[in-house]
Amino acid sequence: MLEKFNASEAWKQLLSAAMERPNVLMGVPTVYSKLIEEYDKAYALKGPSTAEFIRETCISKMRFVC
């Protein structure tokens, strides 16, 4: 759990193999908006293999997103 929301840190935790990843993500619309903005800034232009890795990681680890 993050003490204060930071989209970059949230993505690091969601995608990290080194730490236990969260499997539940709850947030208000602003949280999801910030996650999308960070994705566009940090990951979107890195190519289809990065997008596929993120997609598969989130599918395999996240059991509930609300």
N, C-alpha and C. Protein backbone atom coordinates (compact mmCIF):
# COMPACT_ATOMS: atom_id res chain seq x y z
N MET A 1 0.85 -1.17 0.00
CA MET A 1 0.00 0.00 0.00
C MET A 1 0.90 1.24 0.00
N LEU A 2 0.51 2.19 -0.79
CA LEU A 2 1.24 3.45 -0.84
C LEU A 2 0.68 4.42 0.20
N GLU A 3 1.58 5.10 0.89
CA GLU A 3 1.13 6.08 1.87
C GLU A 3 0.40 7.23 1.19
N LYS A 4 0.96 7.69 0.08
CA LYS A 4 0.35 8.74 -0.72
C LYS A 4 0.41 8.28 -2.17
N PHE A 5 -0.67 8.45 -2.91
CA PHE A 5 -0.71 7.96 -4.28
C PHE A 5 0.30 8.66 -5.17
N ASN A 6 1.04 7.85 -5.91
CA ASN A 6 1.99 8.32 -6.90
C ASN A 6 1.88 7.34 -8.06
N ALA A 7 1.45 7.80 -9.22
CA ALA A 7 1.19 6.91 -10.35
C ALA A 7 2.43 6.14 -10.78
N SER A 8 3.58 6.79 -10.79
CA SER A 8 4.81 6.12 -11.18
C SER A 8 5.15 4.99 -10.22
N GLU A 9 5.05 5.26 -8.94
CA GLU A 9 5.33 4.24 -7.92
C GLU A 9 4.29 3.11 -7.99
N ALA A 10 3.05 3.46 -8.25
CA ALA A 10 2.01 2.44 -8.37
C ALA A 10 2.33 1.48 -9.52
N TRP A 11 2.74 2.01 -10.68
CA TRP A 11 3.12 1.16 -11.81
C TRP A 11 4.32 0.29 -11.46
N LYS A 12 5.30 0.85 -10.75
CA LYS A 12 6.47 0.07 -10.35
C LYS A 12 6.05 -1.13 -9.49
N GLN A 13 5.15 -0.89 -8.56
CA GLN A 13 4.70 -1.98 -7.70
C GLN A 13 3.84 -2.99 -8.46
N LEU A 14 3.01 -2.50 -9.37
CA LEU A 14 2.18 -3.41 -10.15
C LEU A 14 3.00 -4.32 -11.06
N LEU A 15 4.13 -3.83 -11.54
CA LEU A 15 4.91 -4.57 -12.53
C LEU A 15 6.18 -5.22 -11.97
N SER A 16 6.49 -4.96 -10.73
CA SER A 16 7.74 -5.46 -10.15
C SER A 16 7.71 -6.96 -9.92
N ALA A 17 8.82 -7.60 -10.26
CA ALA A 17 9.00 -9.01 -9.94
C ALA A 17 9.70 -9.15 -8.60
N ALA A 18 10.35 -8.09 -8.14
CA ALA A 18 11.15 -8.15 -6.91
C ALA A 18 10.30 -8.09 -5.65
N MET A 19 9.16 -7.42 -5.72
CA MET A 19 8.32 -7.31 -4.54
C MET A 19 6.99 -7.99 -4.80
N GLU A 20 6.32 -8.33 -3.73
CA GLU A 20 5.00 -8.93 -3.88
C GLU A 20 4.07 -7.88 -4.49
N ARG A 21 3.45 -8.26 -5.57
CA ARG A 21 2.56 -7.32 -6.26
C ARG A 21 1.17 -7.36 -5.66
N PRO A 22 0.50 -6.23 -5.71
CA PRO A 22 -0.89 -6.21 -5.22
C PRO A 22 -1.78 -7.01 -6.16
N ASN A 23 -2.88 -7.53 -5.63
CA ASN A 23 -3.82 -8.25 -6.48
C ASN A 23 -5.21 -7.62 -6.44
N VAL A 24 -5.34 -6.55 -5.68
CA VAL A 24 -6.58 -5.79 -5.62
C VAL A 24 -6.22 -4.32 -5.79
N LEU A 25 -6.97 -3.64 -6.65
CA LEU A 25 -6.74 -2.22 -6.87
C LEU A 25 -8.08 -1.50 -6.82
N MET A 26 -8.21 -0.62 -5.84
CA MET A 26 -9.44 0.17 -5.71
C MET A 26 -9.06 1.63 -5.75
N GLY A 27 -9.84 2.41 -6.45
CA GLY A 27 -9.54 3.83 -6.50
C GLY A 27 -10.70 4.62 -7.08
N VAL A 28 -10.61 5.89 -6.87
CA VAL A 28 -11.59 6.82 -7.45
C VAL A 28 -11.17 7.08 -8.90
N PRO A 29 -12.05 7.62 -9.72
CA PRO A 29 -11.71 7.86 -11.12
C PRO A 29 -10.41 8.63 -11.34
N THR A 30 -10.09 9.54 -10.46
CA THR A 30 -8.85 10.31 -10.61
C THR A 30 -7.62 9.41 -10.55
N VAL A 31 -7.65 8.39 -9.71
CA VAL A 31 -6.53 7.45 -9.60
C VAL A 31 -6.33 6.75 -10.94
N TYR A 32 -7.39 6.26 -11.53
CA TYR A 32 -7.29 5.56 -12.81
C TYR A 32 -6.84 6.52 -13.92
N SER A 33 -7.30 7.74 -13.86
CA SER A 33 -6.88 8.75 -14.84
C SER A 33 -5.37 8.98 -14.74
N LYS A 34 -4.86 9.09 -13.52
CA LYS A 34 -3.43 9.31 -13.32
C LYS A 34 -2.62 8.08 -13.76
N LEU A 35 -3.14 6.88 -13.52
CA LEU A 35 -2.45 5.67 -13.98
C LEU A 35 -2.37 5.62 -15.50
N ILE A 36 -3.44 6.01 -16.16
CA ILE A 36 -3.45 6.04 -17.63
C ILE A 36 -2.47 7.10 -18.15
N GLU A 37 -2.46 8.27 -17.53
CA GLU A 37 -1.52 9.32 -17.94
C GLU A 37 -0.08 8.84 -17.79
N GLU A 38 0.22 8.18 -16.68
CA GLU A 38 1.58 7.67 -16.45
C GLU A 38 1.93 6.58 -17.45
N TYR A 39 0.97 5.71 -17.74
CA TYR A 39 1.20 4.66 -18.74
C TYR A 39 1.54 5.30 -20.08
N ASP A 40 0.76 6.28 -20.50
CA ASP A 40 1.02 6.96 -21.77
C ASP A 40 2.40 7.61 -21.80
N LYS A 41 2.80 8.19 -20.69
CA LYS A 41 4.08 8.89 -20.60
C LYS A 41 5.27 7.91 -20.53
N ALA A 42 5.14 6.85 -19.75
CA ALA A 42 6.29 6.00 -19.46
C ALA A 42 6.36 4.71 -20.28
N TYR A 43 5.22 4.20 -20.75
CA TYR A 43 5.22 2.87 -21.35
C TYR A 43 4.67 2.78 -22.77
N ALA A 44 3.75 3.65 -23.13
CA ALA A 44 3.01 3.50 -24.39
C ALA A 44 3.91 3.48 -25.62
N LEU A 45 4.97 4.24 -25.62
CA LEU A 45 5.82 4.33 -26.80
C LEU A 45 6.94 3.30 -26.83
N LYS A 46 6.98 2.41 -25.85
CA LYS A 46 8.05 1.42 -25.78
C LYS A 46 7.79 0.20 -26.65
N GLY A 47 6.64 0.15 -27.28
CA GLY A 47 6.38 -0.91 -28.24
C GLY A 47 5.41 -1.97 -27.77
N PRO A 48 5.02 -2.83 -28.70
CA PRO A 48 4.00 -3.84 -28.41
C PRO A 48 4.44 -4.89 -27.39
N SER A 49 5.73 -5.19 -27.32
CA SER A 49 6.16 -6.20 -26.35
C SER A 49 6.00 -5.69 -24.92
N THR A 50 6.23 -4.40 -24.70
CA THR A 50 6.02 -3.82 -23.37
C THR A 50 4.54 -3.80 -23.03
N ALA A 51 3.72 -3.41 -23.98
CA ALA A 51 2.27 -3.39 -23.75
C ALA A 51 1.76 -4.79 -23.43
N GLU A 52 2.26 -5.79 -24.15
CA GLU A 52 1.84 -7.17 -23.91
C GLU A 52 2.30 -7.65 -22.53
N PHE A 53 3.54 -7.30 -22.13
CA PHE A 53 4.03 -7.67 -20.81
C PHE A 53 3.14 -7.08 -19.72
N ILE A 54 2.82 -5.79 -19.85
CA ILE A 54 1.98 -5.13 -18.85
C ILE A 54 0.60 -5.77 -18.81
N ARG A 55 0.05 -6.01 -19.95
CA ARG A 55 -1.28 -6.64 -20.03
C ARG A 55 -1.28 -8.00 -19.35
N GLU A 56 -0.33 -8.85 -19.70
CA GLU A 56 -0.26 -10.20 -19.14
C GLU A 56 0.02 -10.17 -17.64
N THR A 57 0.88 -9.26 -17.22
CA THR A 57 1.20 -9.16 -15.79
C THR A 57 -0.04 -8.76 -15.01
N CYS A 58 -0.75 -7.76 -15.49
CA CYS A 58 -1.95 -7.32 -14.78
C CYS A 58 -3.05 -8.39 -14.78
N ILE A 59 -3.21 -9.07 -15.90
CA ILE A 59 -4.21 -10.13 -15.96
C ILE A 59 -3.88 -11.27 -15.01
N SER A 60 -2.60 -11.63 -14.95
CA SER A 60 -2.23 -12.78 -14.14
C SER A 60 -2.21 -12.47 -12.65
N LYS A 61 -1.97 -11.22 -12.26
CA LYS A 61 -1.85 -10.88 -10.84
C LYS A 61 -3.06 -10.20 -10.25
N MET A 62 -3.78 -9.42 -11.03
CA MET A 62 -4.89 -8.66 -10.48
C MET A 62 -6.16 -9.52 -10.48
N ARG A 63 -6.78 -9.64 -9.32
CA ARG A 63 -8.00 -10.41 -9.26
C ARG A 63 -9.23 -9.51 -9.09
N PHE A 64 -8.99 -8.27 -8.69
CA PHE A 64 -10.11 -7.36 -8.50
C PHE A 64 -9.65 -5.93 -8.71
N VAL A 65 -10.29 -5.25 -9.65
CA VAL A 65 -10.02 -3.83 -9.90
C VAL A 65 -11.36 -3.11 -9.85
N CYS A 66 -11.46 -2.14 -8.97
CA CYS A 66 -12.74 -1.45 -8.79
C CYS A 66 -12.51 0.02 -8.64
